[in-house]
Amino acid sequence: MMEVQDSLGKRLGKFALFVGALFALTMGVIVSQRLSDDALALLVGLGCGALTMTPMMGLGLLLWHREQKRHRAAPQSLTPPVVVVTPQALPGYGVPADRALPAPGSAPGAWQWNHGASERHFTIVGGEE
């Protein structure tokens, strides 16, 4: 049978990988013979630290890329969000229905709403003064 040859790009890639590995091995031998033990320990520590950091950097970049995609895909709203602050519970809230209202002619009790000032004041957060 006839064997199919790899494309030129694949063969060049394999050759470049082989040459790069050979260069790294040669440089490792030369550097390890010429440097002191302390300098070698420093280089090994730096290399291990960089290798340890690489997966977390990749994960961080992946999450950042996803967040950027999500922000590009989400439509930008022109109106700001509306926040509604509700008042405290109304009088009689949570009281059984038979005791919700006082008997006719009885004295006012704690259940009655004490009306505050009729004028209301609002503070707009983020607005210009």
C-alpha atoms as a PDB file:
ATOM      1  CA  MET A   1       0.000   0.000   0.000  1.00  0.00           C
ATOM      2  CA  MET A   2       0.980   3.548  -0.542  1.00  0.00           C
ATOM      3  CA  GLU A   3       1.490   5.754   2.504  1.00  0.00           C
ATOM      4  CA  VAL A   4      -0.037   9.227   2.526  1.00  0.00           C
ATOM      5  CA  GLN A   5       2.447  11.972   3.329  1.00  0.00           C
ATOM      6  CA  ASP A   6       1.641  14.753   5.770  1.00  0.00           C
ATOM      7  CA  SER A   7       1.245  18.230   4.340  1.00  0.00           C
ATOM      8  CA  LEU A   8       4.207  20.576   4.229  1.00  0.00           C
ATOM      9  CA  GLY A   9       2.808  22.673   7.092  1.00  0.00           C
ATOM     10  CA  LYS A  10       2.521  19.661   9.401  1.00  0.00           C
ATOM     11  CA  ARG A  11       6.062  18.493   8.570  1.00  0.00           C
ATOM     12  CA  LEU A  12       7.457  21.988   9.171  1.00  0.00           C
ATOM     13  CA  GLY A  13       5.567  22.182  12.473  1.00  0.00           C
ATOM     14  CA  LYS A  14       7.013  18.848  13.625  1.00  0.00           C
ATOM     15  CA  PHE A  15      10.510  19.964  12.599  1.00  0.00           C
ATOM     16  CA  ALA A  16      10.152  23.286  14.442  1.00  0.00           C
ATOM     17  CA  LEU A  17       8.942  21.439  17.537  1.00  0.00           C
ATOM     18  CA  PHE A  18      11.922  19.078  17.374  1.00  0.00           C
ATOM     19  CA  VAL A  19      14.403  21.937  16.939  1.00  0.00           C
ATOM     20  CA  GLY A  20      12.796  23.894  19.779  1.00  0.00           C
ATOM     21  CA  ALA A  21      12.950  20.909  22.141  1.00  0.00           C
ATOM     22  CA  LEU A  22      16.582  20.277  21.201  1.00  0.00           C
ATOM     23  CA  PHE A  23      17.434  23.954  21.794  1.00  0.00           C
ATOM     24  CA  ALA A  24      15.695  23.959  25.195  1.00  0.00           C
ATOM     25  CA  LEU A  25      17.522  20.788  26.236  1.00  0.00           C
ATOM     26  CA  THR A  26      20.891  22.177  25.139  1.00  0.00           C
ATOM     27  CA  MET A  27      20.308  25.477  26.921  1.00  0.00           C
ATOM     28  CA  GLY A  28      19.223  23.616  30.058  1.00  0.00           C
ATOM     29  CA  VAL A  29      22.452  21.611  30.119  1.00  0.00           C
ATOM     30  CA  ILE A  30      24.644  24.647  29.466  1.00  0.00           C
ATOM     31  CA  VAL A  31      22.887  26.841  32.030  1.00  0.00           C
ATOM     32  CA  SER A  32      22.886  24.127  34.694  1.00  0.00           C
ATOM     33  CA  GLN A  33      26.654  23.647  34.322  1.00  0.00           C
ATOM     34  CA  ARG A  34      27.545  27.336  34.481  1.00  0.00           C
ATOM     35  CA  LEU A  35      25.204  28.664  37.201  1.00  0.00           C
ATOM     36  CA  SER A  36      25.657  28.272  40.932  1.00  0.00           C
ATOM     37  CA  ASP A  37      23.287  26.160  43.017  1.00  0.00           C
ATOM     38  CA  ASP A  38      21.558  29.249  44.416  1.00  0.00           C
ATOM     39  CA  ALA A  39      20.951  30.701  40.958  1.00  0.00           C
ATOM     40  CA  LEU A  40      19.602  27.357  39.730  1.00  0.00           C
ATOM     41  CA  ALA A  41      17.266  27.139  42.721  1.00  0.00           C
ATOM     42  CA  LEU A  42      16.011  30.641  41.932  1.00  0.00           C
ATOM     43  CA  LEU A  43      15.376  29.764  38.279  1.00  0.00           C
ATOM     44  CA  VAL A  44      13.594  26.525  39.174  1.00  0.00           C
ATOM     45  CA  GLY A  45      11.417  28.364  41.716  1.00  0.00           C
ATOM     46  CA  LEU A  46      10.525  31.049  39.172  1.00  0.00           C
ATOM     47  CA  GLY A  47       9.690  28.438  36.563  1.00  0.00           C
ATOM     48  CA  CYS A  48       7.512  26.445  38.961  1.00  0.00           C
ATOM     49  CA  GLY A  49       5.746  29.623  40.074  1.00  0.00           C
ATOM     50  CA  ALA A  50       5.022  30.615  36.483  1.00  0.00           C
ATOM     51  CA  LEU A  51       3.709  27.123  35.681  1.00  0.00           C
ATOM     52  CA  THR A  52       1.517  27.174  38.783  1.00  0.00           C
ATOM     53  CA  MET A  53       0.073  30.546  37.855  1.00  0.00           C
ATOM     54  CA  THR A  54      -0.732  29.620  34.244  1.00  0.00           C
ATOM     55  CA  PRO A  55      -3.989  27.641  34.785  1.00  0.00           C
ATOM     56  CA  MET A  56      -5.479  30.342  37.014  1.00  0.00           C
ATOM     57  CA  MET A  57      -4.582  33.029  34.485  1.00  0.00           C
ATOM     58  CA  GLY A  58      -6.248  30.952  31.773  1.00  0.00           C
ATOM     59  CA  LEU A  59      -9.354  30.526  33.900  1.00  0.00           C
ATOM     60  CA  GLY A  60      -9.424  34.251  34.659  1.00  0.00           C
ATOM     61  CA  LEU A  61      -9.108  35.124  30.979  1.00  0.00           C
ATOM     62  CA  LEU A  62     -11.856  32.643  30.094  1.00  0.00           C
ATOM     63  CA  LEU A  63     -14.226  34.155  32.665  1.00  0.00           C
ATOM     64  CA  TRP A  64     -13.343  37.677  31.549  1.00  0.00           C
ATOM     65  CA  HIS A  65     -14.014  36.743  27.909  1.00  0.00           C
ATOM     66  CA  ARG A  66     -17.398  35.226  28.809  1.00  0.00           C
ATOM     67  CA  GLU A  67     -18.364  38.347  30.759  1.00  0.00           C
ATOM     68  CA  GLN A  68     -17.379  40.562  27.818  1.00  0.00           C
ATOM     69  CA  LYS A  69     -19.510  38.433  25.475  1.00  0.00           C
ATOM     70  CA  ARG A  70     -22.471  38.672  27.842  1.00  0.00           C
ATOM     71  CA  HIS A  71     -22.179  42.461  28.061  1.00  0.00           C
ATOM     72  CA  ARG A  72     -21.992  42.777  24.278  1.00  0.00           C
ATOM     73  CA  ALA A  73     -25.014  40.518  23.792  1.00  0.00           C
ATOM     74  CA  ALA A  74     -27.221  42.156  26.455  1.00  0.00           C
ATOM     75  CA  PRO A  75     -29.202  45.147  25.178  1.00  0.00           C
ATOM     76  CA  GLN A  76     -28.370  48.398  26.899  1.00  0.00           C
ATOM     77  CA  SER A  77     -31.411  49.939  28.540  1.00  0.00           C
ATOM     78  CA  LEU A  78     -31.739  53.679  28.231  1.00  0.00           C
ATOM     79  CA  THR A  79     -33.885  54.130  31.321  1.00  0.00           C
ATOM     80  CA  PRO A  80     -32.378  53.630  34.760  1.00  0.00           C
ATOM     81  CA  PRO A  81     -33.868  50.966  37.010  1.00  0.00           C
ATOM     82  CA  VAL A  82     -36.729  52.068  39.271  1.00  0.00           C
ATOM     83  CA  VAL A  83     -36.429  51.272  42.967  1.00  0.00           C
ATOM     84  CA  VAL A  84     -39.636  51.360  45.006  1.00  0.00           C
ATOM     85  CA  VAL A  85     -39.338  51.542  48.779  1.00  0.00           C
ATOM     86  CA  THR A  86     -42.473  50.259  50.517  1.00  0.00           C
ATOM     87  CA  PRO A  87     -43.675  51.690  53.842  1.00  0.00           C
ATOM     88  CA  GLN A  88     -43.817  49.699  57.057  1.00  0.00           C
ATOM     89  CA  ALA A  89     -46.704  47.278  57.578  1.00  0.00           C
ATOM     90  CA  LEU A  90     -50.136  48.858  57.701  1.00  0.00           C
ATOM     91  CA  PRO A  91     -52.108  48.743  60.964  1.00  0.00           C
ATOM     92  CA  GLY A  92     -53.994  45.519  61.393  1.00  0.00           C
ATOM     93  CA  TYR A  93     -51.680  43.634  59.053  1.00  0.00           C
ATOM     94  CA  GLY A  94     -51.500  40.043  60.206  1.00  0.00           C
ATOM     95  CA  VAL A  95     -54.451  40.427  62.588  1.00  0.00           C
ATOM     96  CA  PRO A  96     -57.310  37.907  62.152  1.00  0.00           C
ATOM     97  CA  ALA A  97     -60.319  39.253  60.275  1.00  0.00           C
ATOM     98  CA  ASP A  98     -62.698  39.138  63.279  1.00  0.00           C
ATOM     99  CA  ARG A  99     -60.418  41.460  65.275  1.00  0.00           C
ATOM    100  CA  ALA A 100     -59.271  43.693  62.416  1.00  0.00           C
ATOM    101  CA  LEU A 101     -61.819  46.405  63.127  1.00  0.00           C
ATOM    102  CA  PRO A 102     -62.853  47.602  66.589  1.00  0.00           C
ATOM    103  CA  ALA A 103     -66.384  47.286  67.861  1.00  0.00           C
ATOM    104  CA  PRO A 104     -68.538  50.345  67.127  1.00  0.00           C
ATOM    105  CA  GLY A 105     -68.246  52.991  69.829  1.00  0.00           C
ATOM    106  CA  SER A 106     -65.125  51.533  71.428  1.00  0.00           C
ATOM    107  CA  ALA A 107     -62.078  53.624  72.289  1.00  0.00           C
ATOM    108  CA  PRO A 108     -59.369  53.900  69.653  1.00  0.00           C
ATOM    109  CA  GLY A 109     -56.649  51.330  70.142  1.00  0.00           C
ATOM    110  CA  ALA A 110     -53.105  50.748  69.060  1.00  0.00           C
ATOM    111  CA  TRP A 111     -54.336  49.336  65.777  1.00  0.00           C
ATOM    112  CA  GLN A 112     -55.191  52.751  64.360  1.00  0.00           C
ATOM    113  CA  TRP A 113     -52.960  54.400  61.904  1.00  0.00           C
ATOM    114  CA  ASN A 114     -51.343  57.556  63.228  1.00  0.00           C
ATOM    115  CA  HIS A 115     -51.368  59.895  60.291  1.00  0.00           C
ATOM    116  CA  GLY A 116     -48.136  61.753  59.771  1.00  0.00           C
ATOM    117  CA  ALA A 117     -47.588  65.021  58.003  1.00  0.00           C
ATOM    118  CA  SER A 118     -49.489  65.304  54.751  1.00  0.00           C
ATOM    119  CA  GLU A 119     -46.464  66.740  52.982  1.00  0.00           C
ATOM    120  CA  ARG A 120     -44.017  64.142  51.699  1.00  0.00           C
ATOM    121  CA  HIS A 121     -40.326  64.659  51.021  1.00  0.00           C
ATOM    122  CA  PHE A 122     -38.414  62.627  48.471  1.00  0.00           C
ATOM    123  CA  THR A 123     -34.704  62.306  47.923  1.00  0.00           C
ATOM    124  CA  ILE A 124     -33.618  61.450  44.396  1.00  0.00           C
ATOM    125  CA  VAL A 125     -30.384  59.531  44.499  1.00  0.00           C
ATOM    126  CA  GLY A 126     -27.983  60.257  41.669  1.00  0.00           C
ATOM    127  CA  GLY A 127     -29.858  63.290  40.402  1.00  0.00           C
ATOM    128  CA  GLU A 128     -28.376  66.731  39.871  1.00  0.00           C
ATOM    129  CA  GLU A 129     -29.041  69.357  42.477  1.00  0.00           C
END
